Amino acid sequence: MTTEPSPRPGWTQARERRLILKRILADRLEKLMAERGWTQSELARRASSFMTDEQILGKKARGKKPALGRDLIALYLKRDSPVLPRPAQLYPIAKALSVTPDYLLPPPALAAHTAAPENGLQVLPASRQGRQRVLLNIELTPGALAKVMAVISADGALDL
């Protein structure tokens, strides 16, 4: 992570980006839990059911708490905490909520600009001359995804 100066004394831009991601995660978790009428404990219980025995037993064998509990969900809902879930926790939480992990926690480059659109297309400021940045959040068949990726690749949009 970078150590660029931040508008807040003592903070780096990397930490600020992390907090932006955290707020997106907290907002989405809160919304999805409310839609389902779930408590933090209920989400933790349901997400734990998608964890592998190795993930659960491995922690217990080392004398640690199980990988997902109500306290951890509460920490993820706390907007001013920079703690983000690791993949071992993010994937079961996403599965329990029937969403993708990228919906809960978008890639940092996208989150730095804006939250992903609920459904559809959003145009963002371009990062380089002659380019346009877009966020696309739609469900595609594997065939349609292959076509979209072919167009993106052929245009050189994936070149850095």
Protein backbone atom coordinates (compact mmCIF):
# COMPACT_ATOMS: atom_id res chain seq x y z
CA MET A 1 0.00 0.00 0.00
CA THR A 2 1.10 3.56 -0.61
CA THR A 3 1.95 6.15 1.99
CA GLU A 4 0.68 9.20 0.09
CA PRO A 5 -0.36 12.24 2.14
CA SER A 6 -4.00 12.40 3.19
CA PRO A 7 -6.30 15.33 4.00
CA ARG A 8 -6.61 13.85 7.53
CA PRO A 9 -3.46 14.26 9.64
CA GLY A 10 -1.71 10.94 10.26
CA TRP A 11 -3.80 9.05 7.68
CA THR A 12 -2.64 7.69 4.35
CA GLN A 13 -4.72 7.61 1.19
CA ALA A 14 -4.54 3.81 1.37
CA ARG A 15 -6.28 3.87 4.76
CA GLU A 16 -8.91 6.25 3.44
CA ARG A 17 -9.54 3.95 0.46
CA ARG A 18 -9.86 1.03 2.88
CA LEU A 19 -12.49 2.96 4.86
CA ILE A 20 -14.41 3.69 1.64
CA LEU A 21 -14.45 -0.05 0.95
CA LYS A 22 -15.53 -0.71 4.52
CA ARG A 23 -18.45 1.72 4.26
CA ILE A 24 -19.60 0.08 1.04
CA LEU A 25 -19.44 -3.34 2.71
CA ALA A 26 -21.29 -2.13 5.83
CA ASP A 27 -24.04 -0.43 3.78
CA ARG A 28 -24.59 -3.49 1.62
CA LEU A 29 -24.54 -5.95 4.52
CA GLU A 30 -27.00 -3.78 6.44
CA LYS A 31 -29.34 -3.48 3.44
CA LEU A 32 -29.28 -7.20 2.63
CA MET A 33 -29.79 -8.20 6.27
CA ALA A 34 -32.74 -5.80 6.60
CA GLU A 35 -34.34 -7.15 3.40
CA ARG A 36 -34.21 -10.65 4.87
CA GLY A 37 -35.07 -9.65 8.43
CA TRP A 38 -31.82 -11.21 9.69
CA THR A 39 -29.90 -10.32 12.81
CA GLN A 40 -26.11 -10.38 13.01
CA SER A 41 -26.34 -13.77 14.72
CA GLU A 42 -28.57 -15.15 11.96
CA LEU A 43 -26.17 -14.01 9.23
CA ALA A 44 -23.23 -15.51 11.12
CA ARG A 45 -25.08 -18.82 11.57
CA ARG A 46 -26.11 -19.03 7.91
CA ALA A 47 -22.69 -17.99 6.61
CA SER A 48 -20.98 -20.54 8.86
CA SER A 49 -23.02 -23.26 7.18
CA PHE A 50 -21.14 -22.49 3.95
CA MET A 51 -17.71 -22.78 5.51
CA THR A 52 -15.67 -25.92 5.03
CA ASP A 53 -14.98 -28.24 7.93
CA GLU A 54 -11.30 -27.37 7.55
CA GLN A 55 -12.02 -23.65 7.98
CA ILE A 56 -14.12 -24.25 11.09
CA LEU A 57 -12.17 -27.11 12.68
CA GLY A 58 -8.78 -25.61 11.84
CA LYS A 59 -9.53 -22.57 13.99
CA LYS A 60 -10.92 -24.64 16.85
CA ALA A 61 -7.94 -27.00 16.74
CA ARG A 62 -5.59 -24.05 17.23
CA GLY A 63 -7.64 -22.89 20.23
CA LYS A 64 -9.24 -19.94 18.43
CA LYS A 65 -12.89 -19.03 18.10
CA PRO A 66 -14.80 -20.34 15.06
CA ALA A 67 -14.12 -18.32 11.92
CA LEU A 68 -17.51 -16.57 11.81
CA GLY A 69 -19.54 -15.29 14.73
CA ARG A 70 -21.88 -12.45 15.60
CA ASP A 71 -18.99 -10.35 16.90
CA LEU A 72 -17.20 -10.55 13.56
CA ILE A 73 -20.37 -9.59 11.65
CA ALA A 74 -20.79 -6.63 14.04
CA LEU A 75 -17.21 -5.57 13.28
CA TYR A 76 -17.91 -5.69 9.52
CA LEU A 77 -20.99 -3.49 10.07
CA LYS A 78 -18.97 -0.88 11.99
CA ARG A 79 -18.26 1.83 9.40
CA ASP A 80 -15.35 3.53 11.18
CA SER A 81 -13.33 0.34 11.62
CA PRO A 82 -10.85 -0.48 8.84
CA VAL A 83 -11.27 -4.26 9.38
CA LEU A 84 -12.32 -6.02 6.17
CA PRO A 85 -13.26 -9.70 5.86
CA ARG A 86 -10.72 -12.16 4.54
CA PRO A 87 -11.81 -14.36 1.62
CA ALA A 88 -12.45 -17.24 4.06
CA GLN A 89 -15.18 -15.11 5.67
CA LEU A 90 -16.30 -13.03 2.68
CA TYR A 91 -17.24 -15.96 0.44
CA PRO A 92 -19.54 -17.71 2.96
CA ILE A 93 -21.19 -14.39 3.86
CA ALA A 94 -21.84 -13.65 0.18
CA LYS A 95 -23.17 -17.17 -0.37
CA ALA A 96 -25.53 -16.89 2.62
CA LEU A 97 -26.87 -13.59 1.22
CA SER A 98 -27.08 -14.96 -2.37
CA VAL A 99 -24.79 -12.27 -3.80
CA THR A 100 -21.28 -12.29 -5.24
CA PRO A 101 -18.28 -11.41 -3.08
CA ASP A 102 -17.54 -8.54 -5.51
CA TYR A 103 -20.97 -7.07 -4.78
CA LEU A 104 -20.25 -6.99 -1.04
CA LEU A 105 -16.67 -5.82 -1.38
CA PRO A 106 -15.88 -4.30 -4.80
CA PRO A 107 -12.32 -4.30 -6.12
CA PRO A 108 -10.40 -1.35 -4.59
CA ALA A 109 -9.84 0.42 -7.91
CA LEU A 110 -13.58 0.66 -8.50
CA ALA A 111 -14.52 1.51 -4.94
CA ALA A 112 -12.11 4.43 -4.91
CA HIS A 113 -14.32 6.12 -7.48
CA THR A 114 -17.84 5.11 -6.49
CA ALA A 115 -20.00 2.24 -5.35
CA ALA A 116 -21.06 -0.19 -8.08
CA PRO A 117 -24.48 0.52 -9.58
CA GLU A 118 -27.30 -1.60 -8.18
CA ASN A 119 -28.15 -2.89 -11.65
CA GLY A 120 -26.96 -1.60 -14.97
CA LEU A 121 -24.23 0.67 -16.27
CA GLN A 122 -22.51 3.67 -14.74
CA VAL A 123 -19.98 5.88 -16.54
CA LEU A 124 -17.08 7.23 -14.45
CA PRO A 125 -14.34 9.77 -15.15
CA ALA A 126 -11.61 8.38 -17.38
CA SER A 127 -8.20 7.75 -15.86
CA ARG A 128 -6.34 8.22 -19.16
CA GLN A 129 -6.81 10.28 -22.30
CA GLY A 130 -8.92 8.54 -24.94
CA ARG A 131 -10.48 6.08 -22.46
CA GLN A 132 -13.77 5.87 -20.61
CA ARG A 133 -14.22 3.96 -17.33
CA VAL A 134 -17.50 2.11 -16.78
CA LEU A 135 -19.02 -0.02 -14.05
CA LEU A 136 -21.23 -2.80 -15.33
CA ASN A 137 -23.35 -4.76 -12.90
CA ILE A 138 -25.58 -7.20 -14.75
CA GLU A 139 -26.01 -10.94 -14.90
CA LEU A 140 -24.77 -12.57 -18.10
CA THR A 141 -24.84 -16.06 -19.50
CA PRO A 142 -21.39 -17.62 -19.91
CA GLY A 143 -21.68 -17.15 -23.68
CA ALA A 144 -22.56 -13.47 -23.39
CA LEU A 145 -19.72 -12.94 -20.91
CA ALA A 146 -17.28 -14.53 -23.36
CA LYS A 147 -18.46 -12.13 -26.08
CA VAL A 148 -18.12 -9.09 -23.82
CA MET A 149 -14.62 -10.17 -22.77
CA ALA A 150 -13.66 -10.73 -26.43
CA VAL A 151 -14.73 -7.17 -27.31
CA ILE A 152 -12.87 -5.73 -24.31
CA SER A 153 -9.73 -7.72 -25.12
CA ALA A 154 -9.83 -6.85 -28.83
CA ASP A 155 -10.13 -3.12 -27.98
CA GLY A 156 -7.05 -3.31 -25.80
CA ALA A 157 -9.08 -2.11 -22.80
CA LEU A 158 -7.34 -4.61 -20.53
CA ASP A 159 -3.89 -3.21 -21.38
CA LEU A 160 -2.45 -1.19 -18.52
